[in-house]
């Protein structure tokens, strides 16, 4: 069990440096488009951020619902 947690921790730490770079890239694109007067790109990126943000919450809610139904069914038996 400790080995699995160690591998997961190392994986997460190795990926996080790549995750932070995306924010700077989005900021640079938005700044360059704002200077040229284009607002549609900013709205598209904001829509994409909202889409990416809600997907994990929806997945957690669906899994939670099925776990709730499963445990409720076991109690009834």
N, C-alpha and C. Protein backbone atom coordinates (compact mmCIF):
# COMPACT_ATOMS: atom_id res chain seq x y z
N UNK A 1 0.82 -1.19 0.00
CA UNK A 1 0.00 0.00 0.00
C UNK A 1 0.88 1.26 0.00
N UNK A 2 1.96 1.24 0.78
CA UNK A 2 2.85 2.40 0.83
C UNK A 2 3.52 2.64 -0.51
N UNK A 3 3.84 1.55 -1.22
CA UNK A 3 4.46 1.69 -2.54
C UNK A 3 3.51 2.35 -3.53
N UNK A 4 2.25 1.97 -3.47
CA UNK A 4 1.27 2.56 -4.38
C UNK A 4 1.13 4.05 -4.11
N UNK A 5 1.04 4.43 -2.84
CA UNK A 5 0.93 5.85 -2.49
C UNK A 5 2.18 6.62 -2.91
N UNK A 6 3.33 6.00 -2.79
CA UNK A 6 4.57 6.64 -3.21
C UNK A 6 4.59 6.86 -4.72
N UNK A 7 4.15 5.87 -5.50
CA UNK A 7 4.11 6.01 -6.95
C UNK A 7 3.11 7.09 -7.37
N UNK A 8 1.97 7.11 -6.72
CA UNK A 8 0.96 8.13 -7.04
C UNK A 8 1.50 9.51 -6.71
N UNK A 9 2.15 9.66 -5.58
CA UNK A 9 2.71 10.95 -5.18
C UNK A 9 3.76 11.43 -6.17
N UNK A 10 4.63 10.53 -6.59
CA UNK A 10 5.68 10.89 -7.55
C UNK A 10 5.06 11.28 -8.88
N UNK A 11 4.04 10.56 -9.31
CA UNK A 11 3.36 10.89 -10.56
C UNK A 11 2.73 12.27 -10.50
N UNK A 12 2.02 12.55 -9.42
CA UNK A 12 1.36 13.85 -9.27
C UNK A 12 2.38 14.98 -9.24
N UNK A 13 3.46 14.78 -8.52
CA UNK A 13 4.49 15.81 -8.46
C UNK A 13 5.18 16.03 -9.80
N UNK A 14 5.31 14.99 -10.59
CA UNK A 14 5.97 15.14 -11.89
C UNK A 14 5.05 15.80 -12.91
N UNK A 15 3.75 15.72 -12.73
CA UNK A 15 2.80 16.28 -13.68
C UNK A 15 2.49 17.74 -13.36
N UNK A 16 2.57 18.15 -12.11
CA UNK A 16 2.11 19.49 -11.73
C UNK A 16 2.90 20.61 -12.40
N UNK A 17 4.17 20.42 -12.69
CA UNK A 17 4.91 21.49 -13.36
C UNK A 17 4.38 21.75 -14.77
N UNK A 18 3.84 20.74 -15.41
CA UNK A 18 3.25 20.91 -16.73
C UNK A 18 1.88 21.57 -16.64
N UNK A 19 1.16 21.36 -15.57
CA UNK A 19 -0.17 21.94 -15.42
C UNK A 19 -0.11 23.45 -15.24
N UNK A 20 0.85 23.94 -14.50
CA UNK A 20 0.94 25.37 -14.26
C UNK A 20 1.28 26.13 -15.53
N UNK A 21 1.96 25.52 -16.46
CA UNK A 21 2.36 26.23 -17.68
C UNK A 21 1.16 26.58 -18.55
N UNK A 22 0.11 25.82 -18.46
CA UNK A 22 -1.06 26.11 -19.28
C UNK A 22 -1.71 27.43 -18.91
N UNK A 23 -1.71 27.79 -17.65
CA UNK A 23 -2.33 29.05 -17.24
C UNK A 23 -1.59 30.23 -17.86
N UNK A 24 -0.28 30.19 -17.88
CA UNK A 24 0.49 31.28 -18.47
C UNK A 24 0.25 31.36 -19.97
N UNK A 25 0.09 30.22 -20.63
CA UNK A 25 -0.17 30.23 -22.06
C UNK A 25 -1.54 30.84 -22.36
N UNK A 26 -2.55 30.48 -21.58
CA UNK A 26 -3.88 31.05 -21.78
C UNK A 26 -3.85 32.55 -21.55
N UNK A 27 -3.15 32.97 -20.51
CA UNK A 27 -3.06 34.39 -20.21
C UNK A 27 -2.38 35.15 -21.35
N UNK A 28 -1.33 34.59 -21.91
CA UNK A 28 -0.63 35.25 -23.01
C UNK A 28 -1.52 35.37 -24.25
N UNK A 29 -2.29 34.33 -24.54
CA UNK A 29 -3.20 34.36 -25.69
C UNK A 29 -4.27 35.42 -25.47
N UNK A 30 -4.83 35.46 -24.28
CA UNK A 30 -5.88 36.45 -24.01
C UNK A 30 -5.34 37.87 -24.07
N UNK A 31 -4.15 38.08 -23.52
CA UNK A 31 -3.58 39.42 -23.56
C UNK A 31 -3.29 39.88 -24.99
N UNK A 32 -2.78 38.99 -25.80
CA UNK A 32 -2.48 39.38 -27.19
C UNK A 32 -3.76 39.63 -27.97
N UNK A 33 -4.80 38.87 -27.70
CA UNK A 33 -6.06 39.08 -28.41
C UNK A 33 -6.78 40.34 -27.92
N UNK A 34 -6.63 40.68 -26.66
CA UNK A 34 -7.25 41.90 -26.14
C UNK A 34 -6.57 43.13 -26.74
N UNK A 35 -5.28 43.05 -26.98
CA UNK A 35 -4.56 44.17 -27.59
C UNK A 35 -5.01 44.39 -29.03
N UNK A 36 -5.36 43.30 -29.71
CA UNK A 36 -5.81 43.43 -31.10
C UNK A 36 -7.31 43.69 -31.18
N UNK A 37 -8.01 43.68 -30.06
CA UNK A 37 -9.43 44.02 -30.04
C UNK A 37 -10.37 42.84 -30.24
N UNK A 38 -9.87 41.62 -30.22
CA UNK A 38 -10.74 40.45 -30.38
C UNK A 38 -11.21 39.98 -29.02
N UNK A 39 -12.54 39.86 -28.86
CA UNK A 39 -13.10 39.41 -27.59
C UNK A 39 -13.64 37.99 -27.67
N UNK A 40 -13.86 37.48 -28.88
CA UNK A 40 -14.45 36.15 -29.05
C UNK A 40 -13.54 35.06 -28.51
N UNK A 41 -12.23 35.23 -28.63
CA UNK A 41 -11.30 34.22 -28.14
C UNK A 41 -11.38 34.13 -26.62
N UNK A 42 -11.49 35.27 -25.96
CA UNK A 42 -11.60 35.29 -24.50
C UNK A 42 -12.86 34.60 -24.03
N UNK A 43 -13.96 34.81 -24.72
CA UNK A 43 -15.20 34.13 -24.35
C UNK A 43 -15.09 32.63 -24.58
N UNK A 44 -14.41 32.24 -25.64
CA UNK A 44 -14.22 30.82 -25.92
C UNK A 44 -13.37 30.14 -24.86
N UNK A 45 -12.30 30.81 -24.43
CA UNK A 45 -11.44 30.23 -23.40
C UNK A 45 -12.18 30.16 -22.07
N UNK A 46 -12.97 31.18 -21.74
CA UNK A 46 -13.76 31.14 -20.51
C UNK A 46 -14.78 30.01 -20.55
N UNK A 47 -15.39 29.79 -21.70
CA UNK A 47 -16.33 28.67 -21.84
C UNK A 47 -15.63 27.33 -21.67
N UNK A 48 -14.43 27.22 -22.22
CA UNK A 48 -13.66 25.99 -22.07
C UNK A 48 -13.26 25.73 -20.64
N UNK A 49 -12.91 26.78 -19.92
CA UNK A 49 -12.55 26.63 -18.51
C UNK A 49 -13.75 26.14 -17.71
N UNK A 50 -14.92 26.71 -17.98
CA UNK A 50 -16.13 26.28 -17.27
C UNK A 50 -16.44 24.81 -17.58
N UNK A 51 -16.28 24.42 -18.84
CA UNK A 51 -16.52 23.04 -19.25
C UNK A 51 -15.58 22.09 -18.52
N UNK A 52 -14.31 22.43 -18.50
CA UNK A 52 -13.31 21.58 -17.84
C UNK A 52 -13.54 21.53 -16.33
N UNK A 53 -14.01 22.63 -15.76
CA UNK A 53 -14.20 22.71 -14.32
C UNK A 53 -15.37 21.82 -13.86
N UNK A 54 -16.46 21.76 -14.64
CA UNK A 54 -17.64 21.05 -14.19
C UNK A 54 -17.60 19.55 -14.43
N UNK A 55 -16.81 19.06 -15.35
CA UNK A 55 -16.77 17.63 -15.65
C UNK A 55 -16.40 16.78 -14.42
N UNK A 56 -15.36 17.11 -13.65
CA UNK A 56 -15.06 16.28 -12.48
C UNK A 56 -16.19 16.27 -11.45
N UNK A 57 -16.86 17.41 -11.27
CA UNK A 57 -17.97 17.46 -10.31
C UNK A 57 -19.13 16.60 -10.76
N UNK A 58 -19.41 16.60 -12.04
CA UNK A 58 -20.49 15.77 -12.55
C UNK A 58 -20.14 14.29 -12.39
N UNK A 59 -18.89 13.92 -12.69
CA UNK A 59 -18.49 12.51 -12.52
C UNK A 59 -18.56 12.07 -11.07
N UNK A 60 -18.13 12.93 -10.15
CA UNK A 60 -18.20 12.60 -8.73
C UNK A 60 -19.65 12.45 -8.29
N UNK A 61 -20.53 13.31 -8.78
CA UNK A 61 -21.94 13.22 -8.42
C UNK A 61 -22.56 11.92 -8.93
N UNK A 62 -22.23 11.51 -10.15
CA UNK A 62 -22.79 10.27 -10.71
C UNK A 62 -22.28 9.06 -9.93
N UNK A 63 -20.99 9.03 -9.64
CA UNK A 63 -20.43 7.91 -8.86
C UNK A 63 -21.05 7.89 -7.47
N UNK A 64 -21.20 9.04 -6.84
CA UNK A 64 -21.81 9.13 -5.52
C UNK A 64 -23.25 8.64 -5.53
N UNK A 65 -23.99 8.98 -6.57
CA UNK A 65 -25.38 8.53 -6.69
C UNK A 65 -25.45 7.01 -6.77
N UNK A 66 -24.60 6.41 -7.60
CA UNK A 66 -24.62 4.96 -7.73
C UNK A 66 -24.16 4.26 -6.45
N UNK A 67 -23.18 4.83 -5.76
CA UNK A 67 -22.76 4.26 -4.49
C UNK A 67 -23.89 4.35 -3.46
N UNK A 68 -24.59 5.47 -3.43
CA UNK A 68 -25.71 5.64 -2.53
C UNK A 68 -26.79 4.60 -2.81
N UNK A 69 -27.13 4.41 -4.09
CA UNK A 69 -28.14 3.42 -4.45
C UNK A 69 -27.69 2.01 -4.06
N UNK A 70 -26.39 1.72 -4.26
CA UNK A 70 -25.86 0.40 -3.93
C UNK A 70 -25.95 0.13 -2.43
N UNK A 71 -25.53 1.09 -1.61
CA UNK A 71 -25.58 0.89 -0.17
C UNK A 71 -27.01 0.88 0.35
N UNK A 72 -27.87 1.68 -0.24
CA UNK A 72 -29.28 1.69 0.15
C UNK A 72 -29.92 0.33 -0.16
N UNK A 73 -29.54 -0.28 -1.28
CA UNK A 73 -30.06 -1.59 -1.67
C UNK A 73 -29.57 -2.67 -0.70
N UNK A 74 -28.29 -2.58 -0.25
CA UNK A 74 -27.75 -3.55 0.68
C UNK A 74 -28.45 -3.46 2.04
N UNK A 75 -28.78 -2.27 2.47
CA UNK A 75 -29.46 -2.10 3.76
C UNK A 75 -30.85 -2.68 3.71
N UNK A 76 -31.54 -2.54 2.57
CA UNK A 76 -32.90 -3.02 2.42
C UNK A 76 -32.96 -4.55 2.42
N UNK A 77 -31.89 -5.19 2.05
CA UNK A 77 -31.89 -6.67 1.98
C UNK A 77 -31.70 -7.29 3.29
